[in-house]
Amino acid sequence: ITCKNPRCVTSIEAVPHVFHLADDEGRYRCEYCDN
């Protein structure tokens, strides 16, 4: 998954896109910006 938040560190630096499951509906939270 890629983070769509333009202010997230993943949009300006070469860091891995890491997401954690936020709920049972299939929503994921960005590890860096909580998007």
ModelCIF file with pLDDT and N, C-alpha, C, O atoms, coordinates in Angstrom:
data_MODEL
#
_entry.id   MODEL 
#
_entity.id                         1 
_entity.type                       polymer 
_entity.pdbx_number_of_molecules   1 
#
_entity_poly.entity_id                      1 
_entity_poly.type                           'polypeptide(L)' 
_entity_poly.nstd_linkage                   no 
_entity_poly.nstd_monomer                   no 
_entity_poly.pdbx_seq_one_letter_code       ITCKNPRCVTSIEAVPHVFHLADDEGRYRCEYCDN 
_entity_poly.pdbx_seq_one_letter_code_can   ITCKNPRCVTSIEAVPHVFHLADDEGRYRCEYCDN 
_entity_poly.pdbx_strand_id                 A 
#
loop_
_entity_poly_seq.entity_id 
_entity_poly_seq.num 
_entity_poly_seq.mon_id 
_entity_poly_seq.hetero 
1 1  ILE n 
1 2  THR n 
1 3  CYS n 
1 4  LYS n 
1 5  ASN n 
1 6  PRO n 
1 7  ARG n 
1 8  CYS n 
1 9  VAL n 
1 10 THR n 
1 11 SER n 
1 12 ILE n 
1 13 GLU n 
1 14 ALA n 
1 15 VAL n 
1 16 PRO n 
1 17 HIS n 
1 18 VAL n 
1 19 PHE n 
1 20 HIS n 
1 21 LEU n 
1 22 ALA n 
1 23 ASP n 
1 24 ASP n 
1 25 GLU n 
1 26 GLY n 
1 27 ARG n 
1 28 TYR n 
1 29 ARG n 
1 30 CYS n 
1 31 GLU n 
1 32 TYR n 
1 33 CYS n 
1 34 ASP n 
1 35 ASN n 
#
_struct_asym.id          A 
_struct_asym.entity_id   1 
#
loop_
_ma_qa_metric.id 
_ma_qa_metric.mode 
_ma_qa_metric.name 
_ma_qa_metric.software_group_id 
_ma_qa_metric.type 
1 global pLDDT . pLDDT 
2 local  pLDDT . pLDDT 
#
_ma_qa_metric_global.metric_id      1 
_ma_qa_metric_global.metric_value   93.00 
_ma_qa_metric_global.model_id       1 
_ma_qa_metric_global.ordinal_id     1 
#
loop_
_ma_qa_metric_local.label_asym_id 
_ma_qa_metric_local.label_comp_id 
_ma_qa_metric_local.label_seq_id 
_ma_qa_metric_local.metric_id 
_ma_qa_metric_local.metric_value 
_ma_qa_metric_local.model_id 
_ma_qa_metric_local.ordinal_id 
A ILE 1  2 87.00 1 1  
A THR 2  2 90.00 1 2  
A CYS 3  2 92.00 1 3  
A LYS 4  2 91.00 1 4  
A ASN 5  2 94.00 1 5  
A PRO 6  2 94.00 1 6  
A ARG 7  2 94.00 1 7  
A CYS 8  2 95.00 1 8  
A VAL 9  2 95.00 1 9  
A THR 10 2 93.00 1 10 
A SER 11 2 89.00 1 11 
A ILE 12 2 88.00 1 12 
A GLU 13 2 91.00 1 13 
A ALA 14 2 91.00 1 14 
A VAL 15 2 93.00 1 15 
A PRO 16 2 94.00 1 16 
A HIS 17 2 93.00 1 17 
A VAL 18 2 95.00 1 18 
A PHE 19 2 95.00 1 19 
A HIS 20 2 96.00 1 20 
A LEU 21 2 95.00 1 21 
A ALA 22 2 94.00 1 22 
A ASP 23 2 92.00 1 23 
A ASP 24 2 87.00 1 24 
A GLU 25 2 87.00 1 25 
A GLY 26 2 88.00 1 26 
A ARG 27 2 93.00 1 27 
A TYR 28 2 95.00 1 28 
A ARG 29 2 97.00 1 29 
A CYS 30 2 97.00 1 30 
A GLU 31 2 96.00 1 31 
A TYR 32 2 96.00 1 32 
A CYS 33 2 96.00 1 33 
A ASP 34 2 96.00 1 34 
A ASN 35 2 96.00 1 35 
#
loop_
_atom_site.group_PDB 
_atom_site.id 
_atom_site.type_symbol 
_atom_site.label_atom_id 
_atom_site.label_alt_id 
_atom_site.label_comp_id 
_atom_site.label_asym_id 
_atom_site.label_entity_id 
_atom_site.label_seq_id 
_atom_site.pdbx_PDB_ins_code 
_atom_site.Cartn_x 
_atom_site.Cartn_y 
_atom_site.Cartn_z 
_atom_site.occupancy 
_atom_site.B_iso_or_equiv 
_atom_site.pdbx_formal_charge 
_atom_site.auth_seq_id 
_atom_site.auth_comp_id 
_atom_site.auth_asym_id 
_atom_site.auth_atom_id 
_atom_site.pdbx_PDB_model_num 
ATOM 1   N N  . ILE A 1 1  ? 0.867   -1.176 0.000  1.00 87.00 ? 1  ILE A N  1 
ATOM 2   C CA . ILE A 1 1  ? 0.000   0.000  0.000  1.00 87.00 ? 1  ILE A CA 1 
ATOM 3   C C  . ILE A 1 1  ? 0.906   1.230  0.000  1.00 87.00 ? 1  ILE A C  1 
ATOM 4   O O  . ILE A 1 1  ? 1.972   1.228  0.616  1.00 87.00 ? 1  ILE A O  1 
ATOM 5   N N  . THR A 1 2  ? 0.474   2.269  -0.692 1.00 90.00 ? 2  THR A N  1 
ATOM 6   C CA . THR A 1 2  ? 1.231   3.522  -0.659 1.00 90.00 ? 2  THR A CA 1 
ATOM 7   C C  . THR A 1 2  ? 0.420   4.592  0.051  1.00 90.00 ? 2  THR A C  1 
ATOM 8   O O  . THR A 1 2  ? -0.802  4.657  -0.090 1.00 90.00 ? 2  THR A O  1 
ATOM 9   N N  . CYS A 1 3  ? 1.103   5.426  0.809  1.00 92.00 ? 3  CYS A N  1 
ATOM 10  C CA . CYS A 1 3  ? 0.441   6.491  1.556  1.00 92.00 ? 3  CYS A CA 1 
ATOM 11  C C  . CYS A 1 3  ? 0.113   7.645  0.612  1.00 92.00 ? 3  CYS A C  1 
ATOM 12  O O  . CYS A 1 3  ? 0.958   8.079  -0.170 1.00 92.00 ? 3  CYS A O  1 
ATOM 13  N N  . LYS A 1 4  ? -1.104  8.130  0.692  1.00 91.00 ? 4  LYS A N  1 
ATOM 14  C CA . LYS A 1 4  ? -1.570  9.214  -0.175 1.00 91.00 ? 4  LYS A CA 1 
ATOM 15  C C  . LYS A 1 4  ? -1.373  10.591 0.457  1.00 91.00 ? 4  LYS A C  1 
ATOM 16  O O  . LYS A 1 4  ? -1.626  11.610 -0.186 1.00 91.00 ? 4  LYS A O  1 
ATOM 17  N N  . ASN A 1 5  ? -0.925  10.627 1.710  1.00 94.00 ? 5  ASN A N  1 
ATOM 18  C CA . ASN A 1 5  ? -0.737  11.895 2.414  1.00 94.00 ? 5  ASN A CA 1 
ATOM 19  C C  . ASN A 1 5  ? 0.510   12.597 1.853  1.00 94.00 ? 5  ASN A C  1 
ATOM 20  O O  . ASN A 1 5  ? 1.611   12.059 1.975  1.00 94.00 ? 5  ASN A O  1 
ATOM 21  N N  . PRO A 1 6  ? 0.366   13.791 1.238  1.00 94.00 ? 6  PRO A N  1 
ATOM 22  C CA . PRO A 1 6  ? 1.523   14.472 0.660  1.00 94.00 ? 6  PRO A CA 1 
ATOM 23  C C  . PRO A 1 6  ? 2.542   14.936 1.707  1.00 94.00 ? 6  PRO A C  1 
ATOM 24  O O  . PRO A 1 6  ? 3.689   15.223 1.364  1.00 94.00 ? 6  PRO A O  1 
ATOM 25  N N  . ARG A 1 7  ? 2.139   15.011 2.965  1.00 94.00 ? 7  ARG A N  1 
ATOM 26  C CA . ARG A 1 7  ? 3.050   15.434 4.029  1.00 94.00 ? 7  ARG A CA 1 
ATOM 27  C C  . ARG A 1 7  ? 3.762   14.247 4.701  1.00 94.00 ? 7  ARG A C  1 
ATOM 28  O O  . ARG A 1 7  ? 4.613   14.441 5.569  1.00 94.00 ? 7  ARG A O  1 
ATOM 29  N N  . CYS A 1 8  ? 3.416   13.051 4.302  1.00 95.00 ? 8  CYS A N  1 
ATOM 30  C CA . CYS A 1 8  ? 4.042   11.849 4.894  1.00 95.00 ? 8  CYS A CA 1 
ATOM 31  C C  . CYS A 1 8  ? 5.494   11.752 4.447  1.00 95.00 ? 8  CYS A C  1 
ATOM 32  O O  . CYS A 1 8  ? 5.839   12.118 3.323  1.00 95.00 ? 8  CYS A O  1 
ATOM 33  N N  . VAL A 1 9  ? 6.330   11.258 5.334  1.00 95.00 ? 9  VAL A N  1 
ATOM 34  C CA . VAL A 1 9  ? 7.753   11.104 5.039  1.00 95.00 ? 9  VAL A CA 1 
ATOM 35  C C  . VAL A 1 9  ? 7.976   10.187 3.835  1.00 95.00 ? 9  VAL A C  1 
ATOM 36  O O  . VAL A 1 9  ? 8.990   10.311 3.148  1.00 95.00 ? 9  VAL A O  1 
ATOM 37  N N  . THR A 1 10 ? 7.041   9.268  3.570  1.00 93.00 ? 10 THR A N  1 
ATOM 38  C CA . THR A 1 10 ? 7.198   8.349  2.437  1.00 93.00 ? 10 THR A CA 1 
ATOM 39  C C  . THR A 1 10 ? 7.104   9.059  1.093  1.00 93.00 ? 10 THR A C  1 
ATOM 40  O O  . THR A 1 10 ? 7.573   8.535  0.082  1.00 93.00 ? 10 THR A O  1 
ATOM 41  N N  . SER A 1 11 ? 6.504   10.246 1.070  1.00 89.00 ? 11 SER A N  1 
ATOM 42  C CA . SER A 1 11 ? 6.376   10.967 -0.199 1.00 89.00 ? 11 SER A CA 1 
ATOM 43  C C  . SER A 1 11 ? 7.630   11.772 -0.535 1.00 89.00 ? 11 SER A C  1 
ATOM 44  O O  . SER A 1 11 ? 7.787   12.219 -1.671 1.00 89.00 ? 11 SER A O  1 
ATOM 45  N N  . ILE A 1 12 ? 8.530   11.964 0.442  1.00 88.00 ? 12 ILE A N  1 
ATOM 46  C CA . ILE A 1 12 ? 9.734   12.754 0.173  1.00 88.00 ? 12 ILE A CA 1 
ATOM 47  C C  . ILE A 1 12 ? 11.037  11.994 0.414  1.00 88.00 ? 12 ILE A C  1 
ATOM 48  O O  . ILE A 1 12 ? 12.091  12.415 -0.062 1.00 88.00 ? 12 ILE A O  1 
ATOM 49  N N  . GLU A 1 13 ? 10.980  10.896 1.136  1.00 91.00 ? 13 GLU A N  1 
ATOM 50  C CA . GLU A 1 13 ? 12.178  10.105 1.407  1.00 91.00 ? 13 GLU A CA 1 
ATOM 51  C C  . GLU A 1 13 ? 11.978  8.664  0.942  1.00 91.00 ? 13 GLU A C  1 
ATOM 52  O O  . GLU A 1 13 ? 10.851  8.181  0.836  1.00 91.00 ? 13 GLU A O  1 
ATOM 53  N N  . ALA A 1 14 ? 13.071  8.002  0.674  1.00 91.00 ? 14 ALA A N  1 
ATOM 54  C CA . ALA A 1 14 ? 13.020  6.607  0.226  1.00 91.00 ? 14 ALA A CA 1 
ATOM 55  C C  . ALA A 1 14 ? 12.978  5.680  1.442  1.00 91.00 ? 14 ALA A C  1 
ATOM 56  O O  . ALA A 1 14 ? 13.966  5.030  1.784  1.00 91.00 ? 14 ALA A O  1 
ATOM 57  N N  . VAL A 1 15 ? 11.830  5.636  2.073  1.00 93.00 ? 15 VAL A N  1 
ATOM 58  C CA . VAL A 1 15 ? 11.616  4.734  3.212  1.00 93.00 ? 15 VAL A CA 1 
ATOM 59  C C  . VAL A 1 15 ? 10.512  3.754  2.831  1.00 93.00 ? 15 VAL A C  1 
ATOM 60  O O  . VAL A 1 15 ? 9.677   4.070  1.982  1.00 93.00 ? 15 VAL A O  1 
ATOM 61  N N  . PRO A 1 16 ? 10.492  2.580  3.437  1.00 94.00 ? 16 PRO A N  1 
ATOM 62  C CA . PRO A 1 16 ? 9.443   1.600  3.091  1.00 94.00 ? 16 PRO A CA 1 
ATOM 63  C C  . PRO A 1 16 ? 8.062   2.094  3.516  1.00 94.00 ? 16 PRO A C  1 
ATOM 64  O O  . PRO A 1 16 ? 7.914   2.763  4.539  1.00 94.00 ? 16 PRO A O  1 
ATOM 65  N N  . HIS A 1 17 ? 7.081   1.761  2.734  1.00 93.00 ? 17 HIS A N  1 
ATOM 66  C CA . HIS A 1 17 ? 5.686   2.076  3.052  1.00 93.00 ? 17 HIS A CA 1 
ATOM 67  C C  . HIS A 1 17 ? 5.185   0.963  3.967  1.00 93.00 ? 17 HIS A C  1 
ATOM 68  O O  . HIS A 1 17 ? 4.966   -0.161 3.516  1.00 93.00 ? 17 HIS A O  1 
ATOM 69  N N  . VAL A 1 18 ? 5.004   1.269  5.237  1.00 95.00 ? 18 VAL A N  1 
ATOM 70  C CA . VAL A 1 18 ? 4.581   0.277  6.219  1.00 95.00 ? 18 VAL A CA 1 
ATOM 71  C C  . VAL A 1 18 ? 3.209   0.665  6.752  1.00 95.00 ? 18 VAL A C  1 
ATOM 72  O O  . VAL A 1 18 ? 2.991   1.800  7.175  1.00 95.00 ? 18 VAL A O  1 
ATOM 73  N N  . PHE A 1 19 ? 2.292   -0.291 6.726  1.00 95.00 ? 19 PHE A N  1 
ATOM 74  C CA . PHE A 1 19 ? 0.933   -0.063 7.208  1.00 95.00 ? 19 PHE A CA 1 
ATOM 75  C C  . PHE A 1 19 ? 0.540   -1.162 8.185  1.00 95.00 ? 19 PHE A C  1 
ATOM 76  O O  . PHE A 1 19 ? 0.960   -2.312 8.055  1.00 95.00 ? 19 PHE A O  1 
ATOM 77  N N  . HIS A 1 20 ? -0.277  -0.781 9.169  1.00 96.00 ? 20 HIS A N  1 
ATOM 78  C CA . HIS A 1 20 ? -0.784  -1.705 10.180 1.00 96.00 ? 20 HIS A CA 1 
ATOM 79  C C  . HIS A 1 20 ? -2.301  -1.751 10.090 1.00 96.00 ? 20 HIS A C  1 
ATOM 80  O O  . HIS A 1 20 ? -2.952  -0.727 9.881  1.00 96.00 ? 20 HIS A O  1 
ATOM 81  N N  . LEU A 1 21 ? -2.855  -2.938 10.248 1.00 95.00 ? 21 LEU A N  1 
ATOM 82  C CA . LEU A 1 21 ? -4.306  -3.105 10.208 1.00 95.00 ? 21 LEU A CA 1 
ATOM 83  C C  . LEU A 1 21 ? -4.947  -2.304 11.324 1.00 95.00 ? 21 LEU A C  1 
ATOM 84  O O  . LEU A 1 21 ? -4.586  -2.454 12.491 1.00 95.00 ? 21 LEU A O  1 
ATOM 85  N N  . ALA A 1 22 ? -5.901  -1.449 10.965 1.00 94.00 ? 22 ALA A N  1 
ATOM 86  C CA . ALA A 1 22 ? -6.546  -0.573 11.942 1.00 94.00 ? 22 ALA A CA 1 
ATOM 87  C C  . ALA A 1 22 ? -7.877  -1.126 12.437 1.00 94.00 ? 22 ALA A C  1 
ATOM 88  O O  . ALA A 1 22 ? -8.285  -0.835 13.562 1.00 94.00 ? 22 ALA A O  1 
ATOM 89  N N  . ASP A 1 23 ? -8.565  -1.923 11.608 1.00 92.00 ? 23 ASP A N  1 
ATOM 90  C CA . ASP A 1 23 ? -9.865  -2.470 12.012 1.00 92.00 ? 23 ASP A CA 1 
ATOM 91  C C  . ASP A 1 23 ? -10.201 -3.707 11.181 1.00 92.00 ? 23 ASP A C  1 
ATOM 92  O O  . ASP A 1 23 ? -9.428  -4.110 10.312 1.00 92.00 ? 23 ASP A O  1 
ATOM 93  N N  . ASP A 1 24 ? -11.350 -4.298 11.454 1.00 87.00 ? 24 ASP A N  1 
ATOM 94  C CA . ASP A 1 24 ? -11.777 -5.514 10.747 1.00 87.00 ? 24 ASP A CA 1 
ATOM 95  C C  . ASP A 1 24 ? -12.364 -5.232 9.366  1.00 87.00 ? 24 ASP A C  1 
ATOM 96  O O  . ASP A 1 24 ? -12.719 -6.160 8.640  1.00 87.00 ? 24 ASP A O  1 
ATOM 97  N N  . GLU A 1 25 ? -12.465 -3.965 9.004  1.00 87.00 ? 25 GLU A N  1 
ATOM 98  C CA . GLU A 1 25 ? -13.043 -3.577 7.714  1.00 87.00 ? 25 GLU A CA 1 
ATOM 99  C C  . GLU A 1 25 ? -11.988 -3.474 6.613  1.00 87.00 ? 25 GLU A C  1 
ATOM 100 O O  . GLU A 1 25 ? -12.324 -3.190 5.463  1.00 87.00 ? 25 GLU A O  1 
ATOM 101 N N  . GLY A 1 26 ? -10.723 -3.699 6.950  1.00 88.00 ? 26 GLY A N  1 
ATOM 102 C CA . GLY A 1 26 ? -9.661  -3.617 5.957  1.00 88.00 ? 26 GLY A CA 1 
ATOM 103 C C  . GLY A 1 26 ? -9.065  -2.235 5.813  1.00 88.00 ? 26 GLY A C  1 
ATOM 104 O O  . GLY A 1 26 ? -8.533  -1.893 4.757  1.00 88.00 ? 26 GLY A O  1 
ATOM 105 N N  . ARG A 1 27 ? -9.147  -1.442 6.854  1.00 93.00 ? 27 ARG A N  1 
ATOM 106 C CA . ARG A 1 27 ? -8.506  -0.132 6.826  1.00 93.00 ? 27 ARG A CA 1 
ATOM 107 C C  . ARG A 1 27 ? -7.130  -0.262 7.480  1.00 93.00 ? 27 ARG A C  1 
ATOM 108 O O  . ARG A 1 27 ? -6.967  -0.930 8.501  1.00 93.00 ? 27 ARG A O  1 
ATOM 109 N N  . TYR A 1 28 ? -6.147  0.397  6.860  1.00 95.00 ? 28 TYR A N  1 
ATOM 110 C CA . TYR A 1 28 ? -4.771  0.328  7.332  1.00 95.00 ? 28 TYR A CA 1 
ATOM 111 C C  . TYR A 1 28 ? -4.265  1.723  7.691  1.00 95.00 ? 28 TYR A C  1 
ATOM 112 O O  . TYR A 1 28 ? -4.610  2.712  7.045  1.00 95.00 ? 28 TYR A O  1 
ATOM 113 N N  . ARG A 1 29 ? -3.433  1.778  8.741  1.00 97.00 ? 29 ARG A N  1 
ATOM 114 C CA . ARG A 1 29 ? -2.868  3.023  9.244  1.00 97.00 ? 29 ARG A CA 1 
ATOM 115 C C  . ARG A 1 29 ? -1.396  3.091  8.866  1.00 97.00 ? 29 ARG A C  1 
ATOM 116 O O  . ARG A 1 29 ? -0.640  2.149  9.108  1.00 97.00 ? 29 ARG A O  1 
ATOM 117 N N  . CYS A 1 30 ? -0.990  4.214  8.268  1.00 97.00 ? 30 CYS A N  1 
ATOM 118 C CA . CYS A 1 30 ? 0.408   4.435  7.908  1.00 97.00 ? 30 CYS A CA 1 
ATOM 119 C C  . CYS A 1 30 ? 1.238   4.506  9.187  1.00 97.00 ? 30 CYS A C  1 
ATOM 120 O O  . CYS A 1 30 ? 0.850   5.172  10.147 1.00 97.00 ? 30 CYS A O  1 
ATOM 121 N N  . GLU A 1 31 ? 2.366   3.827  9.200  1.00 96.00 ? 31 GLU A N  1 
ATOM 122 C CA . GLU A 1 31 ? 3.225   3.797  10.373 1.00 96.00 ? 31 GLU A CA 1 
ATOM 123 C C  . GLU A 1 31 ? 3.839   5.162  10.690 1.00 96.00 ? 31 GLU A C  1 
ATOM 124 O O  . GLU A 1 31 ? 4.198   5.426  11.838 1.00 96.00 ? 31 GLU A O  1 
ATOM 125 N N  . TYR A 1 32 ? 3.960   6.017  9.699  1.00 96.00 ? 32 TYR A N  1 
ATOM 126 C CA . TYR A 1 32 ? 4.646   7.293  9.882  1.00 96.00 ? 32 TYR A CA 1 
ATOM 127 C C  . TYR A 1 32 ? 3.705   8.464  10.183 1.00 96.00 ? 32 TYR A C  1 
ATOM 128 O O  . TYR A 1 32 ? 3.998   9.288  11.050 1.00 96.00 ? 32 TYR A O  1 
ATOM 129 N N  . CYS A 1 33 ? 2.584   8.538  9.474  1.00 96.00 ? 33 CYS A N  1 
ATOM 130 C CA . CYS A 1 33 ? 1.727   9.721  9.616  1.00 96.00 ? 33 CYS A CA 1 
ATOM 131 C C  . CYS A 1 33 ? 0.324   9.406  10.136 1.00 96.00 ? 33 CYS A C  1 
ATOM 132 O O  . CYS A 1 33 ? -0.482  10.318 10.322 1.00 96.00 ? 33 CYS A O  1 
ATOM 133 N N  . ASP A 1 34 ? 0.025   8.135  10.370 1.00 96.00 ? 34 ASP A N  1 
ATOM 134 C CA . ASP A 1 34 ? -1.274  7.679  10.860 1.00 96.00 ? 34 ASP A CA 1 
ATOM 135 C C  . ASP A 1 34 ? -2.426  7.879  9.874  1.00 96.00 ? 34 ASP A C  1 
ATOM 136 O O  . ASP A 1 34 ? -3.592  7.769  10.254 1.00 96.00 ? 34 ASP A O  1 
ATOM 137 N N  . ASN A 1 35 ? -2.111  8.171  8.619  1.00 96.00 ? 35 ASN A N  1 
ATOM 138 C CA . ASN A 1 35 ? -3.138  8.287  7.589  1.00 96.00 ? 35 ASN A CA 1 
ATOM 139 C C  . ASN A 1 35 ? -3.818  6.922  7.403  1.00 96.00 ? 35 ASN A C  1 
ATOM 140 O O  . ASN A 1 35 ? -4.722  6.789  6.578  1.00 96.00 ? 35 ASN A O  1 
#
